Amino acid sequence: MFSLKNIYKKLIYIIFVKHLEKSAKMTSEQKKALLLLKSVIFHYHGLDEDEKSMLEQTAKELDAYEELEWANNFVSEDYYTAFERSRAYLNEVVSPLDNETKLSYLKTVWNANMAKGYISEIEATALLKLAKDWHIQKELIQFVRNRD
């Protein structure tokens, strides 16, 4: 049976795959950064099966199983400080990248959250904090506003 939610999930997946095709030349550090970003946001409310599956699918598409394991271990070291530790790591690794790439990472995570049906206030706030750190807050807000 086709539901609107399933159709939306498929559409987001197709968009994500297109993004990955452009990102085929990602370094191991960039793969770690993207998977860490996704993992830490997904862990905000506890990692559910859909989110775990999305992370595994991303690792498969990027050929980044080791990087996913690293990201999940990084988060699980201390869930309470995971975002701030991730933020420091991501600022070091992602900040030197061009704005289009930085924004694509945030869009990927935003879209993944929307594919599961929602994005919570705390998840959105975390992505906005990173966008501010990376000097692309305006671009992320514009992306979010133009989604509807």
Foldseek 3Di string as FASTA:
>chain_A
DDDPLVVLLVVLVVVLLVVLVVVQPPDLLRLLLLLLLLVLLCPPVHNDPLSVVVSVVSCVSNVHPVSNVVSNVQCVVDVVCSLVVSLVSNLVRVLVDDPVSLLVSLVNSVSSQVSVPDHDPVSVVSSLVSCVSSVNNVVNVVVVVPPD
